Amino acid sequence: MEDDPRFAEFVAERANALLRYGYALSGNPHDAADLTQEALIRLHRAWARVRSKEDPERYTKVIMARLHISVWRRRRREHLAWALPETPLHDALPSDADQELWRALEGLPRKQRAVLVLRFYEQLQDAEIADLLGISQGTVRSHASLGLTKLRTKITDRTPAKRRTP
């Protein structure tokens, strides 16, 4: 397979954004790196077809979401921890309020977290999320509702304790 310089340019330009997307999906920097790497390998295999007919970044994100889903099906338990990716970020680090949201998001089941990331981070519609995850639109709405309720509960439970002063 001959290397296409456009593939190398795509990776150089979009790798950090894809890594952040992987982190949003998985909640773990190591899993995010694995998702990104595997997705880029699969993109490289399909590059001749994808570069001319489809949006390569969109195609890669679909691969990443599907890989993430297949991992959660194989591995039912996970251990998430807030840690920065090993590669330096060029974006501003999350504020304390954002870190609290990330920690709350980490506590959600994988399917609920995936639905919320796809809905609010990727701004996909329910039909697109359902198609991407291979579930019904009703299940998408159910996971979104349950996930948001859990997030609100976790963040609300923490907020009053922070505001109290001795």
N, C-alpha and C. Protein backbone atom coordinates (compact mmCIF):
# COMPACT_ATOMS: atom_id res chain seq x y z
N MET A 1 0.85 -1.18 0.00
CA MET A 1 0.00 0.00 0.00
C MET A 1 0.90 1.24 0.00
N GLU A 2 0.65 2.11 -0.93
CA GLU A 2 1.44 3.32 -1.06
C GLU A 2 0.94 4.38 -0.09
N ASP A 3 1.86 5.04 0.58
CA ASP A 3 1.47 6.07 1.54
C ASP A 3 1.04 7.35 0.82
N ASP A 4 -0.06 7.89 1.23
CA ASP A 4 -0.61 9.11 0.67
C ASP A 4 -0.24 10.26 1.62
N PRO A 5 0.41 11.29 1.13
CA PRO A 5 0.79 12.41 2.02
C PRO A 5 -0.42 13.11 2.63
N ARG A 6 -1.58 13.01 1.98
CA ARG A 6 -2.79 13.62 2.53
C ARG A 6 -3.23 12.92 3.81
N PHE A 7 -2.96 11.62 3.91
CA PHE A 7 -3.29 10.89 5.13
C PHE A 7 -2.40 11.41 6.27
N ALA A 8 -1.12 11.57 6.01
CA ALA A 8 -0.21 12.09 7.03
C ALA A 8 -0.61 13.50 7.45
N GLU A 9 -1.04 14.32 6.51
CA GLU A 9 -1.51 15.68 6.84
C GLU A 9 -2.76 15.62 7.71
N PHE A 10 -3.68 14.74 7.35
CA PHE A 10 -4.91 14.59 8.13
C PHE A 10 -4.58 14.20 9.57
N VAL A 11 -3.70 13.23 9.74
CA VAL A 11 -3.33 12.78 11.08
C VAL A 11 -2.66 13.91 11.85
N ALA A 12 -1.75 14.62 11.21
CA ALA A 12 -1.06 15.72 11.88
C ALA A 12 -2.03 16.82 12.33
N GLU A 13 -3.03 17.10 11.51
CA GLU A 13 -3.98 18.17 11.82
C GLU A 13 -5.05 17.75 12.82
N ARG A 14 -5.52 16.51 12.77
CA ARG A 14 -6.72 16.12 13.53
C ARG A 14 -6.47 15.12 14.66
N ALA A 15 -5.24 14.66 14.85
CA ALA A 15 -4.97 13.63 15.86
C ALA A 15 -5.34 14.10 17.27
N ASN A 16 -4.98 15.33 17.63
CA ASN A 16 -5.30 15.82 18.97
C ASN A 16 -6.82 15.93 19.19
N ALA A 17 -7.54 16.39 18.19
CA ALA A 17 -9.00 16.47 18.31
C ALA A 17 -9.61 15.07 18.44
N LEU A 18 -9.08 14.11 17.69
CA LEU A 18 -9.58 12.74 17.78
C LEU A 18 -9.24 12.13 19.15
N LEU A 19 -8.08 12.46 19.68
CA LEU A 19 -7.71 11.98 21.01
C LEU A 19 -8.66 12.55 22.07
N ARG A 20 -8.99 13.83 21.96
CA ARG A 20 -9.95 14.43 22.89
C ARG A 20 -11.32 13.77 22.76
N TYR A 21 -11.73 13.47 21.53
CA TYR A 21 -13.00 12.79 21.31
C TYR A 21 -12.97 11.40 21.95
N GLY A 22 -11.87 10.71 21.79
CA GLY A 22 -11.72 9.39 22.42
C GLY A 22 -11.78 9.48 23.93
N TYR A 23 -11.20 10.55 24.47
CA TYR A 23 -11.25 10.75 25.93
C TYR A 23 -12.69 11.04 26.38
N ALA A 24 -13.40 11.80 25.59
CA ALA A 24 -14.80 12.09 25.93
C ALA A 24 -15.64 10.81 25.90
N LEU A 25 -15.35 9.92 24.96
CA LEU A 25 -16.07 8.66 24.88
C LEU A 25 -15.72 7.72 26.03
N SER A 26 -14.42 7.58 26.30
CA SER A 26 -13.98 6.55 27.23
C SER A 26 -13.78 7.04 28.65
N GLY A 27 -13.42 8.30 28.83
CA GLY A 27 -13.15 8.82 30.17
C GLY A 27 -11.81 8.39 30.70
N ASN A 28 -10.97 7.83 29.86
CA ASN A 28 -9.68 7.32 30.30
C ASN A 28 -8.65 7.65 29.22
N PRO A 29 -7.52 8.28 29.59
CA PRO A 29 -6.55 8.69 28.56
C PRO A 29 -5.92 7.51 27.82
N HIS A 30 -5.75 6.39 28.51
CA HIS A 30 -5.14 5.23 27.86
C HIS A 30 -6.10 4.60 26.85
N ASP A 31 -7.36 4.47 27.24
CA ASP A 31 -8.37 3.95 26.31
C ASP A 31 -8.56 4.91 25.15
N ALA A 32 -8.49 6.20 25.42
CA ALA A 32 -8.63 7.21 24.36
C ALA A 32 -7.51 7.05 23.34
N ALA A 33 -6.30 6.85 23.81
CA ALA A 33 -5.16 6.67 22.91
C ALA A 33 -5.32 5.39 22.09
N ASP A 34 -5.79 4.32 22.74
CA ASP A 34 -6.01 3.06 22.02
C ASP A 34 -7.09 3.22 20.95
N LEU A 35 -8.19 3.88 21.32
CA LEU A 35 -9.27 4.12 20.36
C LEU A 35 -8.77 4.91 19.16
N THR A 36 -8.03 5.97 19.44
CA THR A 36 -7.53 6.84 18.37
C THR A 36 -6.58 6.07 17.46
N GLN A 37 -5.67 5.33 18.06
CA GLN A 37 -4.69 4.58 17.26
C GLN A 37 -5.38 3.54 16.39
N GLU A 38 -6.27 2.75 16.97
CA GLU A 38 -6.96 1.72 16.19
C GLU A 38 -7.82 2.34 15.09
N ALA A 39 -8.49 3.44 15.39
CA ALA A 39 -9.32 4.10 14.39
C ALA A 39 -8.48 4.63 13.23
N LEU A 40 -7.31 5.19 13.54
CA LEU A 40 -6.44 5.70 12.47
C LEU A 40 -5.87 4.56 11.63
N ILE A 41 -5.61 3.42 12.26
CA ILE A 41 -5.15 2.25 11.49
C ILE A 41 -6.24 1.82 10.51
N ARG A 42 -7.47 1.75 10.99
CA ARG A 42 -8.58 1.35 10.13
C ARG A 42 -8.85 2.40 9.05
N LEU A 43 -8.70 3.67 9.40
CA LEU A 43 -8.87 4.73 8.41
C LEU A 43 -7.82 4.59 7.31
N HIS A 44 -6.59 4.30 7.70
CA HIS A 44 -5.51 4.16 6.72
C HIS A 44 -5.83 3.06 5.71
N ARG A 45 -6.39 1.96 6.20
CA ARG A 45 -6.76 0.85 5.31
C ARG A 45 -7.82 1.29 4.29
N ALA A 46 -8.70 2.18 4.70
CA ALA A 46 -9.81 2.60 3.83
C ALA A 46 -9.57 3.98 3.22
N TRP A 47 -8.38 4.53 3.35
CA TRP A 47 -8.12 5.91 2.97
C TRP A 47 -8.46 6.20 1.51
N ALA A 48 -8.11 5.31 0.59
CA ALA A 48 -8.36 5.57 -0.83
C ALA A 48 -9.86 5.79 -1.10
N ARG A 49 -10.69 5.03 -0.42
CA ARG A 49 -12.14 5.15 -0.60
C ARG A 49 -12.70 6.34 0.17
N VAL A 50 -12.24 6.56 1.38
CA VAL A 50 -12.82 7.56 2.27
C VAL A 50 -12.46 8.98 1.86
N ARG A 51 -11.23 9.21 1.46
CA ARG A 51 -10.78 10.58 1.20
C ARG A 51 -11.55 11.26 0.08
N SER A 52 -12.03 10.49 -0.87
CA SER A 52 -12.73 11.11 -2.00
C SER A 52 -14.24 11.13 -1.84
N LYS A 53 -14.81 10.20 -1.06
CA LYS A 53 -16.26 10.10 -0.99
C LYS A 53 -16.86 10.61 0.31
N GLU A 54 -16.09 10.57 1.40
CA GLU A 54 -16.65 10.87 2.71
C GLU A 54 -15.76 11.85 3.46
N ASP A 55 -16.27 12.31 4.56
CA ASP A 55 -15.50 13.17 5.46
C ASP A 55 -14.62 12.26 6.33
N PRO A 56 -13.30 12.31 6.16
CA PRO A 56 -12.42 11.39 6.91
C PRO A 56 -12.54 11.53 8.43
N GLU A 57 -12.72 12.73 8.93
CA GLU A 57 -12.84 12.89 10.39
C GLU A 57 -14.13 12.26 10.90
N ARG A 58 -15.20 12.48 10.22
CA ARG A 58 -16.49 11.89 10.60
C ARG A 58 -16.40 10.36 10.56
N TYR A 59 -15.79 9.84 9.51
CA TYR A 59 -15.62 8.40 9.36
C TYR A 59 -14.80 7.86 10.53
N THR A 60 -13.74 8.55 10.92
CA THR A 60 -12.89 8.11 12.02
C THR A 60 -13.65 8.15 13.34
N LYS A 61 -14.47 9.16 13.56
CA LYS A 61 -15.26 9.24 14.80
C LYS A 61 -16.29 8.12 14.88
N VAL A 62 -16.85 7.75 13.75
CA VAL A 62 -17.78 6.61 13.74
C VAL A 62 -17.04 5.34 14.12
N ILE A 63 -15.85 5.15 13.56
CA ILE A 63 -15.03 3.99 13.91
C ILE A 63 -14.76 3.98 15.41
N MET A 64 -14.38 5.14 15.96
CA MET A 64 -14.05 5.23 17.39
C MET A 64 -15.26 4.89 18.25
N ALA A 65 -16.42 5.41 17.89
CA ALA A 65 -17.62 5.13 18.68
C ALA A 65 -17.96 3.65 18.62
N ARG A 66 -17.84 3.05 17.47
CA ARG A 66 -18.14 1.61 17.34
C ARG A 66 -17.12 0.77 18.09
N LEU A 67 -15.85 1.15 18.04
CA LEU A 67 -14.83 0.42 18.81
C LEU A 67 -15.12 0.52 20.30
N HIS A 68 -15.50 1.71 20.74
CA HIS A 68 -15.83 1.92 22.16
C HIS A 68 -16.99 1.02 22.58
N ILE A 69 -17.99 0.92 21.74
CA ILE A 69 -19.14 0.07 22.04
C ILE A 69 -18.71 -1.39 22.12
N SER A 70 -17.88 -1.83 21.20
CA SER A 70 -17.46 -3.23 21.22
C SER A 70 -16.64 -3.53 22.46
N VAL A 71 -15.88 -2.55 22.93
CA VAL A 71 -15.09 -2.75 24.16
C VAL A 71 -16.02 -2.90 25.35
N TRP A 72 -17.07 -2.07 25.45
CA TRP A 72 -17.93 -2.16 26.62
C TRP A 72 -18.72 -3.46 26.61
N ARG A 73 -18.94 -4.02 25.43
CA ARG A 73 -19.64 -5.30 25.39
C ARG A 73 -18.74 -6.43 25.89
N ARG A 74 -17.45 -6.31 25.63
CA ARG A 74 -16.52 -7.34 26.09
C ARG A 74 -16.14 -7.18 27.55
N ARG A 75 -16.03 -5.95 27.97
CA ARG A 75 -15.55 -5.66 29.32
C ARG A 75 -16.65 -4.92 30.07
N ARG A 76 -17.29 -5.61 30.98
CA ARG A 76 -18.44 -5.04 31.69
C ARG A 76 -18.03 -4.09 32.81
N ARG A 77 -16.89 -4.27 33.39
CA ARG A 77 -16.43 -3.42 34.50
C ARG A 77 -15.30 -2.52 34.01
N GLU A 78 -15.23 -1.38 34.58
CA GLU A 78 -14.16 -0.45 34.24
C GLU A 78 -13.74 0.33 35.46
N HIS A 79 -12.54 0.85 35.42
CA HIS A 79 -12.01 1.66 36.50
C HIS A 79 -11.53 2.97 35.89
N LEU A 80 -12.29 4.01 36.13
CA LEU A 80 -11.98 5.31 35.56
C LEU A 80 -11.32 6.19 36.61
N ALA A 81 -10.41 7.00 36.14
CA ALA A 81 -9.76 7.95 37.04
C ALA A 81 -9.48 9.21 36.25
N TRP A 82 -9.56 10.33 36.92
CA TRP A 82 -9.26 11.59 36.26
C TRP A 82 -7.75 11.72 36.18
N ALA A 83 -7.25 11.73 34.98
CA ALA A 83 -5.83 11.91 34.74
C ALA A 83 -5.68 12.55 33.37
N LEU A 84 -4.74 13.42 33.24
CA LEU A 84 -4.51 14.08 31.96
C LEU A 84 -3.84 13.12 30.99
N PRO A 85 -4.12 13.24 29.70
CA PRO A 85 -3.44 12.41 28.72
C PRO A 85 -1.93 12.64 28.79
N GLU A 86 -1.18 11.62 28.43
CA GLU A 86 0.28 11.72 28.49
C GLU A 86 0.82 12.69 27.45
N THR A 87 0.10 12.88 26.35
CA THR A 87 0.54 13.83 25.34
C THR A 87 0.09 15.23 25.75
N PRO A 88 0.90 16.23 25.48
CA PRO A 88 0.51 17.58 25.88
C PRO A 88 -0.69 18.07 25.10
N LEU A 89 -1.56 18.78 25.79
CA LEU A 89 -2.74 19.36 25.15
C LEU A 89 -2.45 20.82 24.81
N HIS A 90 -2.99 21.24 23.70
CA HIS A 90 -2.83 22.63 23.30
C HIS A 90 -4.05 23.45 23.71
N ASP A 91 -5.08 22.76 24.17
CA ASP A 91 -6.28 23.44 24.65
C ASP A 91 -6.11 23.78 26.13
N ALA A 92 -6.93 24.68 26.60
CA ALA A 92 -6.91 25.02 28.02
C ALA A 92 -7.41 23.83 28.82
N LEU A 93 -6.81 23.60 29.98
CA LEU A 93 -7.25 22.50 30.83
C LEU A 93 -8.63 22.80 31.39
N PRO A 94 -9.40 21.77 31.71
CA PRO A 94 -10.74 22.00 32.25
C PRO A 94 -10.68 22.75 33.58
N SER A 95 -11.65 23.61 33.77
CA SER A 95 -11.74 24.33 35.03
C SER A 95 -12.19 23.36 36.11
N ASP A 96 -12.19 23.81 37.37
CA ASP A 96 -12.62 22.95 38.47
C ASP A 96 -14.06 22.48 38.26
N ALA A 97 -14.92 23.37 37.78
CA ALA A 97 -16.31 23.00 37.53
C ALA A 97 -16.39 21.94 36.43
N ASP A 98 -15.57 22.07 35.38
CA ASP A 98 -15.56 21.08 34.31
C ASP A 98 -15.03 19.74 34.81
N GLN A 99 -14.02 19.78 35.67
CA GLN A 99 -13.48 18.53 36.20
C GLN A 99 -14.53 17.81 37.03
N GLU A 100 -15.33 18.56 37.74
CA GLU A 100 -16.41 17.95 38.52
C GLU A 100 -17.40 17.26 37.57
N LEU A 101 -17.69 17.90 36.45
CA LEU A 101 -18.59 17.30 35.47
C LEU A 101 -17.97 16.03 34.88
N TRP A 102 -16.66 16.08 34.57
CA TRP A 102 -15.98 14.89 34.04
C TRP A 102 -16.03 13.75 35.04
N ARG A 103 -15.80 14.05 36.32
CA ARG A 103 -15.84 12.99 37.34
C ARG A 103 -17.25 12.41 37.44
N ALA A 104 -18.25 13.26 37.36
CA ALA A 104 -19.63 12.77 37.40
C ALA A 104 -19.92 11.93 36.16
N LEU A 105 -19.43 12.37 35.01
CA LEU A 105 -19.63 11.64 33.77
C LEU A 105 -18.95 10.27 33.82
N GLU A 106 -17.80 10.19 34.48
CA GLU A 106 -17.08 8.92 34.62
C GLU A 106 -17.91 7.89 35.39
N GLY A 107 -18.76 8.35 36.29
CA GLY A 107 -19.55 7.45 37.10
C GLY A 107 -20.75 6.85 36.39
N LEU A 108 -21.03 7.31 35.19
CA LEU A 108 -22.18 6.80 34.43
C LEU A 108 -21.82 5.47 33.75
N PRO A 109 -22.82 4.64 33.52
CA PRO A 109 -22.58 3.44 32.70
C PRO A 109 -22.13 3.85 31.30
N ARG A 110 -21.39 2.98 30.65
CA ARG A 110 -20.77 3.29 29.35
C ARG A 110 -21.80 3.73 28.30
N LYS A 111 -22.93 3.06 28.24
CA LYS A 111 -23.92 3.41 27.20
C LYS A 111 -24.49 4.80 27.45
N GLN A 112 -24.78 5.13 28.70
CA GLN A 112 -25.31 6.46 29.00
C GLN A 112 -24.26 7.52 28.68
N ARG A 113 -23.02 7.26 29.05
CA ARG A 113 -21.95 8.22 28.77
C ARG A 113 -21.78 8.40 27.26
N ALA A 114 -21.81 7.29 26.51
CA ALA A 114 -21.66 7.38 25.05
C ALA A 114 -22.79 8.20 24.44
N VAL A 115 -24.01 7.97 24.89
CA VAL A 115 -25.16 8.73 24.36
C VAL A 115 -25.00 10.21 24.67
N LEU A 116 -24.62 10.54 25.90
CA LEU A 116 -24.47 11.95 26.26
C LEU A 116 -23.33 12.62 25.50
N VAL A 117 -22.23 11.91 25.31
CA VAL A 117 -21.10 12.47 24.55
C VAL A 117 -21.52 12.71 23.10
N LEU A 118 -22.20 11.73 22.51
CA LEU A 118 -22.62 11.89 21.12
C LEU A 118 -23.67 12.99 20.97
N ARG A 119 -24.54 13.14 21.95
CA ARG A 119 -25.58 14.15 21.86
C ARG A 119 -25.03 15.55 22.12
N PHE A 120 -24.26 15.73 23.18
CA PHE A 120 -23.85 17.08 23.57
C PHE A 120 -22.46 17.47 23.09
N TYR A 121 -21.55 16.53 22.96
CA TYR A 121 -20.20 16.84 22.48
C TYR A 121 -20.17 16.85 20.95
N GLU A 122 -20.77 15.82 20.35
CA GLU A 122 -20.81 15.72 18.89
C GLU A 122 -22.04 16.38 18.29
N GLN A 123 -23.03 16.72 19.12
CA GLN A 123 -24.26 17.37 18.70
C GLN A 123 -25.00 16.58 17.62
N LEU A 124 -25.11 15.27 17.85
CA LEU A 124 -25.85 14.41 16.94
C LEU A 124 -27.30 14.33 17.38
N GLN A 125 -28.18 14.06 16.43
CA GLN A 125 -29.59 13.87 16.70
C GLN A 125 -29.81 12.43 17.17
N ASP A 126 -30.97 12.19 17.79
CA ASP A 126 -31.28 10.86 18.32
C ASP A 126 -31.19 9.78 17.25
N ALA A 127 -31.70 10.07 16.06
CA ALA A 127 -31.66 9.08 14.98
C ALA A 127 -30.22 8.72 14.60
N GLU A 128 -29.35 9.72 14.55
CA GLU A 128 -27.94 9.47 14.22
C GLU A 128 -27.26 8.65 15.31
N ILE A 129 -27.56 8.98 16.56
CA ILE A 129 -26.97 8.25 17.68
C ILE A 129 -27.46 6.80 17.66
N ALA A 130 -28.75 6.61 17.44
CA ALA A 130 -29.32 5.27 17.39
C ALA A 130 -28.66 4.44 16.30
N ASP A 131 -28.49 5.05 15.14
CA ASP A 131 -27.86 4.35 14.02
C ASP A 131 -26.41 4.02 14.34
N LEU A 132 -25.70 4.97 14.91
CA LEU A 132 -24.29 4.79 15.24
C LEU A 132 -24.09 3.71 16.29
N LEU A 133 -24.93 3.68 17.32
CA LEU A 133 -24.76 2.73 18.41
C LEU A 133 -25.51 1.42 18.18
N GLY A 134 -26.35 1.38 17.16
CA GLY A 134 -27.09 0.16 16.88
C GLY A 134 -28.20 -0.11 17.89
N ILE A 135 -28.84 0.96 18.36
CA ILE A 135 -29.94 0.84 19.31
C ILE A 135 -31.11 1.67 18.80
N SER A 136 -32.26 1.53 19.44
CA SER A 136 -33.43 2.29 18.99
C SER A 136 -33.37 3.73 19.48
N GLN A 137 -34.15 4.60 18.84
CA GLN A 137 -34.20 6.00 19.26
C GLN A 137 -34.77 6.12 20.67
N GLY A 138 -35.72 5.26 21.01
CA GLY A 138 -36.28 5.26 22.35
C GLY A 138 -35.23 4.92 23.40
N THR A 139 -34.34 3.99 23.08
CA THR A 139 -33.26 3.64 23.99
C THR A 139 -32.28 4.80 24.12
N VAL A 140 -32.04 5.51 23.03
CA VAL A 140 -31.18 6.70 23.08
C VAL A 140 -31.77 7.72 24.04
N ARG A 141 -33.05 8.01 23.88
CA ARG A 141 -33.70 8.99 24.75
C ARG A 141 -33.70 8.53 26.21
N SER A 142 -33.91 7.24 26.41
CA SER A 142 -33.92 6.68 27.76
C SER A 142 -32.54 6.82 28.41
N HIS A 143 -31.49 6.44 27.68
CA HIS A 143 -30.13 6.57 28.22
C HIS A 143 -29.77 8.03 28.48
N ALA A 144 -30.19 8.91 27.59
CA ALA A 144 -29.91 10.33 27.79
C ALA A 144 -30.62 10.86 29.03
N SER A 145 -31.88 10.50 29.19
CA SER A 145 -32.64 10.96 30.35
C SER A 145 -32.05 10.42 31.66
N LEU A 146 -31.77 9.13 31.69
CA LEU A 146 -31.19 8.53 32.89
C LEU A 146 -29.82 9.12 33.21
N GLY A 147 -29.01 9.29 32.17
CA GLY A 147 -27.67 9.86 32.37
C GLY A 147 -27.72 11.28 32.88
N LEU A 148 -28.58 12.11 32.30
CA LEU A 148 -28.71 13.49 32.75
C LEU A 148 -29.23 13.56 34.18
N THR A 149 -30.17 12.69 34.52
CA THR A 149 -30.69 12.66 35.89
C THR A 149 -29.59 12.31 36.87
N LYS A 150 -28.78 11.32 36.53
CA LYS A 150 -27.67 10.93 37.41
C LYS A 150 -26.65 12.06 37.54
N LEU A 151 -26.35 12.72 36.42
CA LEU A 151 -25.40 13.83 36.46
C LEU A 151 -25.92 14.96 37.34
N ARG A 152 -27.18 15.30 37.16
CA ARG A 152 -27.78 16.37 37.98
C ARG A 152 -27.73 16.02 39.45
N THR A 153 -28.03 14.78 39.78
CA THR A 153 -28.02 14.34 41.17
C THR A 153 -26.62 14.43 41.75
N LYS A 154 -25.64 13.94 41.01
CA LYS A 154 -24.26 13.95 41.51
C LYS A 154 -23.75 15.37 41.68
N ILE A 155 -24.00 16.22 40.71
CA ILE A 155 -23.49 17.59 40.78
C ILE A 155 -24.25 18.38 41.84
N THR A 156 -25.56 18.19 41.95
CA THR A 156 -26.37 18.87 42.97
C THR A 156 -25.97 18.42 44.36
N ASP A 157 -25.69 17.13 44.53
CA ASP A 157 -25.27 16.61 45.84
C ASP A 157 -23.95 17.23 46.28
N ARG A 158 -23.08 17.53 45.37
CA ARG A 158 -21.77 18.10 45.70
C ARG A 158 -21.84 19.59 45.93
N THR A 159 -22.68 20.27 45.18
CA THR A 159 -22.71 21.72 45.22
C THR A 159 -23.03 22.30 46.59
N PRO A 160 -24.08 21.85 47.30
CA PRO A 160 -24.38 22.46 48.60
C PRO A 160 -23.23 22.30 49.60
N ALA A 161 -22.53 21.20 49.54
CA ALA A 161 -21.43 20.97 50.49
C ALA A 161 -20.31 21.99 50.26
N LYS A 162 -20.11 22.37 49.01
CA LYS A 162 -19.06 23.33 48.69
C LYS A 162 -19.41 24.74 49.17
N ARG A 163 -20.68 25.06 49.16
CA ARG A 163 -21.10 26.42 49.48
C ARG A 163 -21.18 26.67 50.99
N ARG A 164 -21.25 25.63 51.76
CA ARG A 164 -21.34 25.82 53.21
C ARG A 164 -20.04 26.37 53.76
N THR A 165 -20.17 27.29 54.67
CA THR A 165 -18.98 27.83 55.33
C THR A 165 -19.12 27.62 56.84
N PRO A 166 -18.03 27.28 57.52
CA PRO A 166 -18.11 27.01 58.95
C PRO A 166 -18.40 28.25 59.77
